Amino acid sequence: MPSTGKDRLLFPCVLVVKTPVASRKQVTERLARTGRRLAAQVEEAAQEQERTVAAVREALADLGVTPVTVSVDDLDARAGRAITGARFVVTVGGDGTLLAASHWVTGAALLGVNSAPRSSVGYLTFARRANVARVLARIRGGTLLPQPVARLEIELAGRLLPPALNDVLVAHEQPAATSRYRLRLGHRSEEQRSSGLWVATAAGSTAGIRSAGGQAMPLVARRLQFRARELYRVRGRSAALESGFVEAGDEIIVESAMEAGWLFPDGARMATRFPFGAQAIFRIAQRPLRLFADPARWAHTEGG
C-alpha cells in the first residue's frame, strides 16, 4: 500500500472506464448488418479501449496503486461515493466518459486518458496509451499539476444538480419544437423563442456554444457564457439577451415556458425535466474541478 506523501497523491484511486460500443448489449447484431468498414472501426475502437485500460492499470501498479474500477454505465450512488472519496480519478474513454465522471468528483484530481485518439476527439483528456505511464510518473513526482477549472452550478427548484464541466442546454424535448423560456440577468429580462439556450463554462466554450456562434474562452476564465440557438426575432424588437457573459458571483435565471422542457447538463446522460414555470439558476460553482488539462488548447481564444 502507498505510504509516502507522493504516493498518497494517487491514492485512493478510482478508474472510470468506457464501455465500447461493440461490447454493448444488442449492438453486436446491428453491427453485423452494417457495412464492414463501420463494423471494423467500432471493433478497432473496442480493442484500443481494452489495450488502454490494461496500460493504465499496469502504469498504476508500477506506482503501487490499485484502483477501484467503475464502468461509466454504472455510475450510481455507490460508485459516486467511491469517486467522492477518492484523491485521484482516472477516466479511460473520451470526453463523454470524463464529463460523466466529473459530476461526482469533489476534491479529487481528474485525469482523462483518450483510449481511441483516431476516432475520439478527447478535447478534455490529457493522456493516451502511449504516454500514460510518463504522465502518471510526472503527477506522482509533482512536476505535473492539475488546473483549477470553473464548473457550472445549477439550482433547480431549490436543489443543486451535479455541477456541469462543459455546458447546459435548455431545450424542448423534441428537437424540431420551439424552445420557449424567459431569461433574466441582473435587471434585464427577456422572453425568447429559439432552438434552445446554451450556458457554458470556459472549458465548454469550444464545444456546442462555439458552434452556435459563441466565443471560445481561456481555460482559466471564471465566468459563464450564454447564447440562444437560432433565436426567433420579432419584427421591430431587438434582442438584448441573445448572448452574453455571467461574471463570477452573478447568476442568470431561466424560467421554462414549456411543458416538455429539459435541461441537458454535459449532454443527455444527466437530462432533467424542466416543465412550465420551473426556474433554473446558473452560476459559477464555488469549488472548481482540479483537471489535468493543456491550457494551450484554449489559448487561441477570443475574449476572456
C-alpha atoms as a PDB file:
ATOM      1  CA  MET A   1       0.000   0.000   0.000  1.00  0.00           C
ATOM      2  CA  PRO A   2       1.320   3.503  -0.791  1.00  0.00           C
ATOM      3  CA  SER A   3       2.955   5.161   2.174  1.00  0.00           C
ATOM      4  CA  THR A   4       4.896   8.205   1.041  1.00  0.00           C
ATOM      5  CA  GLY A   5       3.418  11.661   0.577  1.00  0.00           C
ATOM      6  CA  LYS A   6       3.948  11.492  -3.158  1.00  0.00           C
ATOM      7  CA  ASP A   7       2.192   8.119  -3.386  1.00  0.00           C
ATOM      8  CA  ARG A   8      -0.775   9.482  -1.497  1.00  0.00           C
ATOM      9  CA  LEU A   9      -1.387  11.949  -4.325  1.00  0.00           C
ATOM     10  CA  LEU A  10      -2.621   8.954  -6.332  1.00  0.00           C
ATOM     11  CA  PHE A  11      -4.424   7.065  -3.580  1.00  0.00           C
ATOM     12  CA  PRO A  12      -7.286   6.286  -3.083  1.00  0.00           C
ATOM     13  CA  CYS A  13      -7.759   5.981  -6.854  1.00  0.00           C
ATOM     14  CA  VAL A  14     -10.871   5.304  -8.924  1.00  0.00           C
ATOM     15  CA  LEU A  15     -10.663   4.217 -12.550  1.00  0.00           C
ATOM     16  CA  VAL A  16     -13.774   5.028 -14.633  1.00  0.00           C
ATOM     17  CA  VAL A  17     -13.860   3.134 -17.921  1.00  0.00           C
ATOM     18  CA  LYS A  18     -15.978   3.470 -21.028  1.00  0.00           C
ATOM     19  CA  THR A  19     -17.993   0.527 -22.311  1.00  0.00           C
ATOM     20  CA  PRO A  20     -17.102   0.280 -26.007  1.00  0.00           C
ATOM     21  CA  VAL A  21     -19.989   0.331 -28.460  1.00  0.00           C
ATOM     22  CA  ALA A  22     -19.012  -3.116 -29.734  1.00  0.00           C
ATOM     23  CA  SER A  23     -19.398  -4.516 -26.206  1.00  0.00           C
ATOM     24  CA  ARG A  24     -22.836  -3.088 -25.527  1.00  0.00           C
ATOM     25  CA  LYS A  25     -25.846  -5.354 -25.476  1.00  0.00           C
ATOM     26  CA  GLN A  26     -27.992  -5.516 -28.632  1.00  0.00           C
ATOM     27  CA  VAL A  27     -25.264  -3.807 -30.650  1.00  0.00           C
ATOM     28  CA  THR A  28     -23.464  -6.882 -31.942  1.00  0.00           C
ATOM     29  CA  GLU A  29     -26.332  -7.939 -34.215  1.00  0.00           C
ATOM     30  CA  ARG A  30     -26.804  -4.435 -35.549  1.00  0.00           C
ATOM     31  CA  LEU A  31     -23.107  -4.175 -36.311  1.00  0.00           C
ATOM     32  CA  ALA A  32     -23.301  -7.402 -38.268  1.00  0.00           C
ATOM     33  CA  ARG A  33     -25.883  -5.784 -40.536  1.00  0.00           C
ATOM     34  CA  THR A  34     -23.821  -2.635 -41.149  1.00  0.00           C
ATOM     35  CA  GLY A  35     -21.062  -2.158 -43.668  1.00  0.00           C
ATOM     36  CA  ARG A  36     -17.732  -3.841 -42.985  1.00  0.00           C
ATOM     37  CA  ARG A  37     -15.941  -0.512 -42.681  1.00  0.00           C
ATOM     38  CA  LEU A  38     -18.142   0.780 -39.843  1.00  0.00           C
ATOM     39  CA  ALA A  39     -18.038  -2.554 -38.029  1.00  0.00           C
ATOM     40  CA  ALA A  40     -14.248  -2.635 -38.342  1.00  0.00           C
ATOM     41  CA  GLN A  41     -13.949   0.902 -36.939  1.00  0.00           C
ATOM     42  CA  VAL A  42     -16.129   0.062 -33.942  1.00  0.00           C
ATOM     43  CA  GLU A  43     -14.242  -3.165 -33.276  1.00  0.00           C
ATOM     44  CA  GLU A  44     -10.891  -1.387 -33.547  1.00  0.00           C
ATOM     45  CA  ALA A  45     -12.029   1.229 -31.006  1.00  0.00           C
ATOM     46  CA  ALA A  46     -13.093  -1.561 -28.619  1.00  0.00           C
ATOM     47  CA  GLN A  47      -9.684  -3.198 -28.904  1.00  0.00           C
ATOM     48  CA  GLU A  48      -7.952   0.138 -28.328  1.00  0.00           C
ATOM     49  CA  GLN A  49     -10.077   0.625 -25.223  1.00  0.00           C
ATOM     50  CA  GLU A  50      -9.032  -2.734 -23.806  1.00  0.00           C
ATOM     51  CA  ARG A  51      -5.352  -2.084 -24.517  1.00  0.00           C
ATOM     52  CA  THR A  52      -5.529   1.369 -22.954  1.00  0.00           C
ATOM     53  CA  VAL A  53      -7.257   0.149 -19.797  1.00  0.00           C
ATOM     54  CA  ALA A  54      -4.581  -2.523 -19.448  1.00  0.00           C
ATOM     55  CA  ALA A  55      -1.814   0.073 -19.911  1.00  0.00           C
ATOM     56  CA  VAL A  56      -3.320   2.376 -17.292  1.00  0.00           C
ATOM     57  CA  ARG A  57      -3.672  -0.449 -14.784  1.00  0.00           C
ATOM     58  CA  GLU A  58      -0.085  -1.532 -15.407  1.00  0.00           C
ATOM     59  CA  ALA A  59       1.235   2.017 -15.010  1.00  0.00           C
ATOM     60  CA  LEU A  60      -0.684   2.490 -11.767  1.00  0.00           C
ATOM     61  CA  ALA A  61       0.507  -0.885 -10.460  1.00  0.00           C
ATOM     62  CA  ASP A  62       4.113   0.150 -11.141  1.00  0.00           C
ATOM     63  CA  LEU A  63       3.456   3.100  -8.824  1.00  0.00           C
ATOM     64  CA  GLY A  64       1.922   0.864  -6.159  1.00  0.00           C
ATOM     65  CA  VAL A  65      -1.662   1.940  -6.821  1.00  0.00           C
ATOM     66  CA  THR A  66      -4.571  -0.494  -7.184  1.00  0.00           C
ATOM     67  CA  PRO A  67      -7.643   1.452  -8.328  1.00  0.00           C
ATOM     68  CA  VAL A  68     -11.293   0.751  -7.762  1.00  0.00           C
ATOM     69  CA  THR A  69     -12.691   0.234 -11.262  1.00  0.00           C
ATOM     70  CA  VAL A  70     -16.132   1.527 -12.237  1.00  0.00           C
ATOM     71  CA  SER A  71     -17.918   1.342 -15.587  1.00  0.00           C
ATOM     72  CA  VAL A  72     -19.236   4.678 -16.814  1.00  0.00           C
ATOM     73  CA  ASP A  73     -22.563   2.901 -17.383  1.00  0.00           C
ATOM     74  CA  ASP A  74     -22.756   2.052 -13.667  1.00  0.00           C
ATOM     75  CA  LEU A  75     -22.276   5.497 -12.169  1.00  0.00           C
ATOM     76  CA  ASP A  76     -24.866   5.089  -9.422  1.00  0.00           C
ATOM     77  CA  ALA A  77     -24.840   6.387  -5.854  1.00  0.00           C
ATOM     78  CA  ARG A  78     -22.465   3.642  -4.687  1.00  0.00           C
ATOM     79  CA  ALA A  79     -19.951   4.374  -7.436  1.00  0.00           C
ATOM     80  CA  GLY A  80     -20.420   8.069  -6.774  1.00  0.00           C
ATOM     81  CA  ARG A  81     -19.407   7.622  -3.145  1.00  0.00           C
ATOM     82  CA  ALA A  82     -16.196   5.916  -4.248  1.00  0.00           C
ATOM     83  CA  ILE A  83     -15.385   8.789  -6.597  1.00  0.00           C
ATOM     84  CA  THR A  84     -16.291  11.394  -3.989  1.00  0.00           C
ATOM     85  CA  GLY A  85     -13.930   9.747  -1.510  1.00  0.00           C
ATOM     86  CA  ALA A  86     -11.067   9.392  -3.985  1.00  0.00           C
ATOM     87  CA  ARG A  87      -7.974  11.561  -4.143  1.00  0.00           C
ATOM     88  CA  PHE A  88      -7.265  10.662  -7.776  1.00  0.00           C
ATOM     89  CA  VAL A  89      -9.702   9.737 -10.563  1.00  0.00           C
ATOM     90  CA  VAL A  90      -8.680   8.440 -13.982  1.00  0.00           C
ATOM     91  CA  THR A  91     -11.108   8.080 -16.876  1.00  0.00           C
ATOM     92  CA  VAL A  92     -10.422   5.894 -19.895  1.00  0.00           C
ATOM     93  CA  GLY A  93     -12.559   6.692 -22.915  1.00  0.00           C
ATOM     94  CA  GLY A  94     -13.331  10.044 -24.475  1.00  0.00           C
ATOM     95  CA  ASP A  95     -14.816  13.352 -23.397  1.00  0.00           C
ATOM     96  CA  GLY A  96     -18.174  11.754 -22.574  1.00  0.00           C
ATOM     97  CA  THR A  97     -16.607   9.406 -20.045  1.00  0.00           C
ATOM     98  CA  LEU A  98     -14.656  12.240 -18.432  1.00  0.00           C
ATOM     99  CA  LEU A  99     -17.712  14.502 -18.240  1.00  0.00           C
ATOM    100  CA  ALA A 100     -19.847  11.778 -16.677  1.00  0.00           C
ATOM    101  CA  ALA A 101     -17.235  11.063 -14.014  1.00  0.00           C
ATOM    102  CA  SER A 102     -16.636  14.756 -13.308  1.00  0.00           C
ATOM    103  CA  HIS A 103     -20.181  15.164 -11.959  1.00  0.00           C
ATOM    104  CA  TRP A 104     -19.205  13.041  -8.943  1.00  0.00           C
ATOM    105  CA  VAL A 105     -15.732  14.473  -8.351  1.00  0.00           C
ATOM    106  CA  THR A 106     -15.412  16.807  -5.370  1.00  0.00           C
ATOM    107  CA  GLY A 107     -11.837  17.284  -4.183  1.00  0.00           C
ATOM    108  CA  ALA A 108     -10.030  14.695  -6.310  1.00  0.00           C
ATOM    109  CA  ALA A 109      -7.715  15.450  -9.214  1.00  0.00           C
ATOM    110  CA  LEU A 110      -9.084  14.151 -12.522  1.00  0.00           C
ATOM    111  CA  LEU A 111      -7.031  12.751 -15.384  1.00  0.00           C
ATOM    112  CA  GLY A 112      -8.629  11.800 -18.700  1.00  0.00           C
ATOM    113  CA  VAL A 113      -6.990   9.184 -20.929  1.00  0.00           C
ATOM    114  CA  ASN A 114      -8.185   9.118 -24.544  1.00  0.00           C
ATOM    115  CA  SER A 115      -8.445   5.441 -25.422  1.00  0.00           C
ATOM    116  CA  ALA A 116      -9.081   5.872 -29.167  1.00  0.00           C
ATOM    117  CA  PRO A 117      -7.423   9.094 -30.412  1.00  0.00           C
ATOM    118  CA  ARG A 118      -8.081   8.224 -34.052  1.00  0.00           C
ATOM    119  CA  SER A 119     -11.851   8.142 -33.588  1.00  0.00           C
ATOM    120  CA  SER A 120     -12.417  10.157 -30.385  1.00  0.00           C
ATOM    121  CA  VAL A 121     -11.951  13.913 -30.010  1.00  0.00           C
ATOM    122  CA  GLY A 122     -10.849  13.732 -26.373  1.00  0.00           C
ATOM    123  CA  TYR A 123     -10.514  17.505 -26.081  1.00  0.00           C
ATOM    124  CA  LEU A 124     -10.694  17.403 -22.280  1.00  0.00           C
ATOM    125  CA  THR A 125      -8.380  14.423 -21.908  1.00  0.00           C
ATOM    126  CA  PHE A 126      -4.673  14.833 -21.287  1.00  0.00           C
ATOM    127  CA  ALA A 127      -3.056  11.432 -21.835  1.00  0.00           C
ATOM    128  CA  ARG A 128      -3.248   8.452 -24.161  1.00  0.00           C
ATOM    129  CA  ARG A 129      -1.919   4.909 -24.043  1.00  0.00           C
ATOM    130  CA  ALA A 130       1.468   5.837 -25.498  1.00  0.00           C
ATOM    131  CA  ASN A 131       2.308   8.364 -22.772  1.00  0.00           C
ATOM    132  CA  VAL A 132       0.117   7.496 -19.793  1.00  0.00           C
ATOM    133  CA  ALA A 133       2.979   5.917 -17.815  1.00  0.00           C
ATOM    134  CA  ARG A 134       5.081   9.082 -18.218  1.00  0.00           C
ATOM    135  CA  VAL A 135       2.139  11.307 -17.303  1.00  0.00           C
ATOM    136  CA  LEU A 136       1.394   9.316 -14.146  1.00  0.00           C
ATOM    137  CA  ALA A 137       5.071   9.419 -13.155  1.00  0.00           C
ATOM    138  CA  ARG A 138       5.071  13.210 -13.542  1.00  0.00           C
ATOM    139  CA  ILE A 139       1.935  13.507 -11.421  1.00  0.00           C
ATOM    140  CA  ARG A 140       3.470  11.352  -8.711  1.00  0.00           C
ATOM    141  CA  GLY A 141       6.689  13.381  -8.865  1.00  0.00           C
ATOM    142  CA  GLY A 142       4.838  16.679  -8.553  1.00  0.00           C
ATOM    143  CA  THR A 143       6.053  18.069 -11.879  1.00  0.00           C
ATOM    144  CA  LEU A 144       2.567  17.929 -13.425  1.00  0.00           C
ATOM    145  CA  LEU A 145      -0.196  19.700 -11.533  1.00  0.00           C
ATOM    146  CA  PRO A 146      -3.950  19.882 -12.170  1.00  0.00           C
ATOM    147  CA  GLN A 147      -5.578  23.065 -13.424  1.00  0.00           C
ATOM    148  CA  PRO A 148      -8.433  24.602 -11.379  1.00  0.00           C
ATOM    149  CA  VAL A 149     -11.252  24.686 -13.920  1.00  0.00           C
ATOM    150  CA  ALA A 150     -14.535  26.507 -13.255  1.00  0.00           C
ATOM    151  CA  ARG A 151     -17.733  24.466 -13.235  1.00  0.00           C
ATOM    152  CA  LEU A 152     -21.344  25.458 -13.706  1.00  0.00           C
ATOM    153  CA  GLU A 153     -23.686  25.225 -10.714  1.00  0.00           C
ATOM    154  CA  ILE A 154     -27.363  24.593 -11.486  1.00  0.00           C
ATOM    155  CA  GLU A 155     -30.070  25.261  -8.914  1.00  0.00           C
ATOM    156  CA  LEU A 156     -33.473  23.852  -9.832  1.00  0.00           C
ATOM    157  CA  ALA A 157     -36.493  24.077  -7.526  1.00  0.00           C
ATOM    158  CA  GLY A 158     -34.264  24.764  -4.538  1.00  0.00           C
ATOM    159  CA  ARG A 159     -31.899  21.827  -5.099  1.00  0.00           C
ATOM    160  CA  LEU A 160     -28.473  21.699  -6.658  1.00  0.00           C
ATOM    161  CA  LEU A 161     -27.857  19.418  -9.613  1.00  0.00           C
ATOM    162  CA  PRO A 162     -24.426  17.853 -10.125  1.00  0.00           C
ATOM    163  CA  PRO A 163     -22.041  20.549 -11.403  1.00  0.00           C
ATOM    164  CA  ALA A 164     -21.527  20.703 -15.168  1.00  0.00           C
ATOM    165  CA  LEU A 165     -17.999  20.921 -16.506  1.00  0.00           C
ATOM    166  CA  ASN A 166     -18.848  21.885 -20.092  1.00  0.00           C
ATOM    167  CA  ASP A 167     -22.313  23.331 -20.536  1.00  0.00           C
ATOM    168  CA  VAL A 168     -26.055  23.036 -20.144  1.00  0.00           C
ATOM    169  CA  LEU A 169     -28.554  23.108 -22.982  1.00  0.00           C
ATOM    170  CA  VAL A 170     -32.055  24.369 -22.174  1.00  0.00           C
ATOM    171  CA  ALA A 171     -34.410  22.994 -24.808  1.00  0.00           C
ATOM    172  CA  HIS A 172     -37.697  21.327 -25.712  1.00  0.00           C
ATOM    173  CA  GLU A 173     -37.616  17.535 -25.624  1.00  0.00           C
ATOM    174  CA  GLN A 174     -38.404  17.458 -29.356  1.00  0.00           C
ATOM    175  CA  PRO A 175     -35.513  18.881 -31.406  1.00  0.00           C
ATOM    176  CA  ALA A 176     -37.870  20.334 -34.038  1.00  0.00           C
ATOM    177  CA  ALA A 177     -40.094  22.068 -31.465  1.00  0.00           C
ATOM    178  CA  THR A 178     -39.634  25.664 -30.337  1.00  0.00           C
ATOM    179  CA  SER A 179     -37.896  26.209 -27.009  1.00  0.00           C
ATOM    180  CA  ARG A 180     -39.715  28.903 -25.013  1.00  0.00           C
ATOM    181  CA  TYR A 181     -38.373  30.485 -21.850  1.00  0.00           C
ATOM    182  CA  ARG A 182     -37.802  33.755 -20.015  1.00  0.00           C
ATOM    183  CA  LEU A 183     -34.256  34.875 -19.367  1.00  0.00           C
ATOM    184  CA  ARG A 184     -33.226  37.178 -16.505  1.00  0.00           C
ATOM    185  CA  LEU A 185     -29.767  38.650 -15.946  1.00  0.00           C
ATOM    186  CA  GLY A 186     -29.488  41.370 -13.343  1.00  0.00           C
ATOM    187  CA  HIS A 187     -32.208  43.959 -14.010  1.00  0.00           C
ATOM    188  CA  ARG A 188     -32.781  42.782 -17.574  1.00  0.00           C
ATOM    189  CA  SER A 189     -35.278  40.132 -18.601  1.00  0.00           C
ATOM    190  CA  GLU A 190     -36.488  38.836 -21.933  1.00  0.00           C
ATOM    191  CA  GLU A 191     -38.852  36.214 -23.319  1.00  0.00           C
ATOM    192  CA  GLN A 192     -37.274  34.135 -26.050  1.00  0.00           C
ATOM    193  CA  ARG A 193     -38.230  31.538 -28.615  1.00  0.00           C
ATOM    194  CA  SER A 194     -35.345  29.630 -30.105  1.00  0.00           C
ATOM    195  CA  SER A 195     -33.931  26.175 -30.801  1.00  0.00           C
ATOM    196  CA  GLY A 196     -32.522  26.167 -27.282  1.00  0.00           C
ATOM    197  CA  LEU A 197     -30.248  28.111 -24.969  1.00  0.00           C
ATOM    198  CA  TRP A 198     -26.614  27.258 -24.278  1.00  0.00           C
ATOM    199  CA  VAL A 199     -24.997  28.151 -20.952  1.00  0.00           C
ATOM    200  CA  ALA A 200     -21.318  27.203 -20.958  1.00  0.00           C
ATOM    201  CA  THR A 201     -18.151  27.342 -18.878  1.00  0.00           C
ATOM    202  CA  ALA A 202     -14.718  28.229 -20.203  1.00  0.00           C
ATOM    203  CA  ALA A 203     -13.952  24.514 -20.581  1.00  0.00           C
ATOM    204  CA  GLY A 204     -17.086  24.062 -22.680  1.00  0.00           C
ATOM    205  CA  SER A 205     -16.716  27.267 -24.667  1.00  0.00           C
ATOM    206  CA  THR A 206     -15.056  25.423 -27.551  1.00  0.00           C
ATOM    207  CA  ALA A 207     -17.934  22.932 -27.833  1.00  0.00           C
ATOM    208  CA  GLY A 208     -21.626  23.423 -28.664  1.00  0.00           C
ATOM    209  CA  ILE A 209     -21.848  27.106 -27.831  1.00  0.00           C
ATOM    210  CA  ARG A 210     -18.997  27.952 -30.190  1.00  0.00           C
ATOM    211  CA  SER A 211     -20.706  26.032 -32.992  1.00  0.00           C
ATOM    212  CA  ALA A 212     -23.745  28.229 -32.323  1.00  0.00           C
ATOM    213  CA  GLY A 213     -21.648  31.381 -32.779  1.00  0.00           C
ATOM    214  CA  GLY A 214     -20.257  31.845 -29.281  1.00  0.00           C
ATOM    215  CA  GLN A 215     -16.724  32.770 -28.260  1.00  0.00           C
ATOM    216  CA  ALA A 216     -14.008  30.450 -27.049  1.00  0.00           C
ATOM    217  CA  MET A 217     -12.642  31.493 -23.654  1.00  0.00           C
ATOM    218  CA  PRO A 218      -9.300  30.827 -21.930  1.00  0.00           C
ATOM    219  CA  LEU A 219      -9.463  27.743 -19.721  1.00  0.00           C
ATOM    220  CA  VAL A 220      -8.720  29.840 -16.618  1.00  0.00           C
ATOM    221  CA  ALA A 221     -11.712  32.158 -17.168  1.00  0.00           C
ATOM    222  CA  ARG A 222     -14.159  32.201 -14.244  1.00  0.00           C
ATOM    223  CA  ARG A 223     -17.333  33.304 -15.925  1.00  0.00           C
ATOM    224  CA  LEU A 224     -20.177  31.734 -17.878  1.00  0.00           C
ATOM    225  CA  GLN A 225     -21.286  32.412 -21.408  1.00  0.00           C
ATOM    226  CA  PHE A 226     -24.833  32.071 -22.720  1.00  0.00           C
ATOM    227  CA  ARG A 227     -26.216  32.093 -26.250  1.00  0.00           C
ATOM    228  CA  ALA A 228     -29.588  31.347 -27.856  1.00  0.00           C
ATOM    229  CA  ARG A 229     -29.592  28.937 -30.794  1.00  0.00           C
ATOM    230  CA  GLU A 230     -31.441  30.167 -33.880  1.00  0.00           C
ATOM    231  CA  LEU A 231     -33.292  32.874 -31.997  1.00  0.00           C
ATOM    232  CA  TYR A 232     -36.691  33.836 -33.394  1.00  0.00           C
ATOM    233  CA  ARG A 233     -36.643  37.581 -33.936  1.00  0.00           C
ATOM    234  CA  VAL A 234     -39.782  39.643 -33.547  1.00  0.00           C
ATOM    235  CA  ARG A 235     -40.010  42.412 -36.133  1.00  0.00           C
ATOM    236  CA  GLY A 236     -39.312  45.808 -34.606  1.00  0.00           C
ATOM    237  CA  ARG A 237     -37.962  44.366 -31.375  1.00  0.00           C
ATOM    238  CA  SER A 238     -34.270  43.880 -30.593  1.00  0.00           C
ATOM    239  CA  ALA A 239     -32.916  41.003 -28.534  1.00  0.00           C
ATOM    240  CA  ALA A 240     -30.894  42.332 -25.609  1.00  0.00           C
ATOM    241  CA  LEU A 241     -30.059  38.920 -24.149  1.00  0.00           C
ATOM    242  CA  GLU A 242     -29.334  36.841 -27.216  1.00  0.00           C
ATOM    243  CA  SER A 243     -25.836  36.217 -25.875  1.00  0.00           C
ATOM    244  CA  GLY A 244     -23.521  37.437 -23.182  1.00  0.00           C
ATOM    245  CA  PHE A 245     -21.427  36.596 -20.135  1.00  0.00           C
ATOM    246  CA  VAL A 246     -22.182  35.942 -16.467  1.00  0.00           C
ATOM    247  CA  GLU A 247     -19.379  37.032 -14.169  1.00  0.00           C
ATOM    248  CA  ALA A 248     -18.320  35.099 -11.066  1.00  0.00           C
ATOM    249  CA  GLY A 249     -20.705  35.974  -8.232  1.00  0.00           C
ATOM    250  CA  ASP A 250     -23.564  36.775 -10.623  1.00  0.00           C
ATOM    251  CA  GLU A 251     -26.250  34.439 -11.910  1.00  0.00           C
ATOM    252  CA  ILE A 252     -28.593  34.007 -14.838  1.00  0.00           C
ATOM    253  CA  ILE A 253     -32.136  32.774 -14.244  1.00  0.00           C
ATOM    254  CA  VAL A 254     -34.156  30.868 -16.836  1.00  0.00           C
ATOM    255  CA  GLU A 255     -37.887  30.201 -16.418  1.00  0.00           C
ATOM    256  CA  SER A 256     -39.408  27.478 -18.561  1.00  0.00           C
ATOM    257  CA  ALA A 257     -42.426  28.208 -20.771  1.00  0.00           C
ATOM    258  CA  MET A 258     -42.513  24.602 -22.000  1.00  0.00           C
ATOM    259  CA  GLU A 259     -44.455  21.639 -20.615  1.00  0.00           C
ATOM    260  CA  ALA A 260     -41.850  19.372 -22.179  1.00  0.00           C
ATOM    261  CA  GLY A 261     -38.748  21.383 -21.413  1.00  0.00           C
ATOM    262  CA  TRP A 262     -35.483  19.753 -20.388  1.00  0.00           C
ATOM    263  CA  LEU A 263     -32.061  20.653 -19.030  1.00  0.00           C
ATOM    264  CA  PHE A 264     -29.142  18.754 -20.554  1.00  0.00           C
ATOM    265  CA  PRO A 265     -26.026  19.188 -18.358  1.00  0.00           C
ATOM    266  CA  ASP A 266     -22.954  17.977 -20.267  1.00  0.00           C
ATOM    267  CA  GLY A 267     -25.096  16.045 -22.735  1.00  0.00           C
ATOM    268  CA  ALA A 268     -28.038  13.681 -22.366  1.00  0.00           C
ATOM    269  CA  ARG A 269     -26.781  11.389 -19.588  1.00  0.00           C
ATOM    270  CA  MET A 270     -27.926  13.705 -16.752  1.00  0.00           C
ATOM    271  CA  ALA A 271     -31.007  15.125 -18.519  1.00  0.00           C
ATOM    272  CA  THR A 272     -33.506  16.692 -16.097  1.00  0.00           C
ATOM    273  CA  ARG A 273     -37.118  17.724 -16.727  1.00  0.00           C
ATOM    274  CA  PHE A 274     -37.712  21.470 -16.893  1.00  0.00           C
ATOM    275  CA  PRO A 275     -41.517  21.911 -17.023  1.00  0.00           C
ATOM    276  CA  PHE A 276     -43.603  25.045 -17.414  1.00  0.00           C
ATOM    277  CA  GLY A 277     -42.984  27.551 -14.622  1.00  0.00           C
ATOM    278  CA  ALA A 278     -39.829  25.907 -13.300  1.00  0.00           C
ATOM    279  CA  GLN A 279     -36.853  28.180 -12.681  1.00  0.00           C
ATOM    280  CA  ALA A 280     -33.221  27.229 -13.123  1.00  0.00           C
ATOM    281  CA  ILE A 281     -30.434  29.392 -11.724  1.00  0.00           C
ATOM    282  CA  PHE A 282     -26.996  29.155 -13.317  1.00  0.00           C
ATOM    283  CA  ARG A 283     -23.806  30.411 -11.656  1.00  0.00           C
ATOM    284  CA  ILE A 284     -20.125  29.591 -11.332  1.00  0.00           C
ATOM    285  CA  ALA A 285     -19.718  26.802  -8.776  1.00  0.00           C
ATOM    286  CA  GLN A 286     -17.723  27.691  -5.670  1.00  0.00           C
ATOM    287  CA  ARG A 287     -15.491  24.634  -5.990  1.00  0.00           C
ATOM    288  CA  PRO A 288     -13.585  24.254  -9.277  1.00  0.00           C
ATOM    289  CA  LEU A 289     -12.594  20.925 -10.762  1.00  0.00           C
ATOM    290  CA  ARG A 290      -8.907  20.001 -10.474  1.00  0.00           C
ATOM    291  CA  LEU A 291      -8.346  18.778 -14.013  1.00  0.00           C
ATOM    292  CA  PHE A 292      -5.147  17.717 -15.733  1.00  0.00           C
ATOM    293  CA  ALA A 293      -5.503  19.705 -18.942  1.00  0.00           C
ATOM    294  CA  ASP A 294      -3.441  21.559 -21.503  1.00  0.00           C
ATOM    295  CA  PRO A 295      -4.444  25.252 -21.344  1.00  0.00           C
ATOM    296  CA  ALA A 296      -2.827  25.771 -24.758  1.00  0.00           C
ATOM    297  CA  ARG A 297      -5.850  24.095 -26.345  1.00  0.00           C
ATOM    298  CA  TRP A 298      -7.877  27.095 -25.197  1.00  0.00           C
ATOM    299  CA  ALA A 299      -5.049  29.626 -25.701  1.00  0.00           C
ATOM    300  CA  HIS A 300      -6.063  30.960 -29.131  1.00  0.00           C
ATOM    301  CA  THR A 301      -9.366  32.380 -27.998  1.00  0.00           C
ATOM    302  CA  GLU A 302     -11.472  35.476 -28.384  1.00  0.00           C
ATOM    303  CA  GLY A 303     -12.230  37.348 -25.216  1.00  0.00           C
ATOM    304  CA  GLY A 304     -11.720  36.097 -21.674  1.00  0.00           C
END
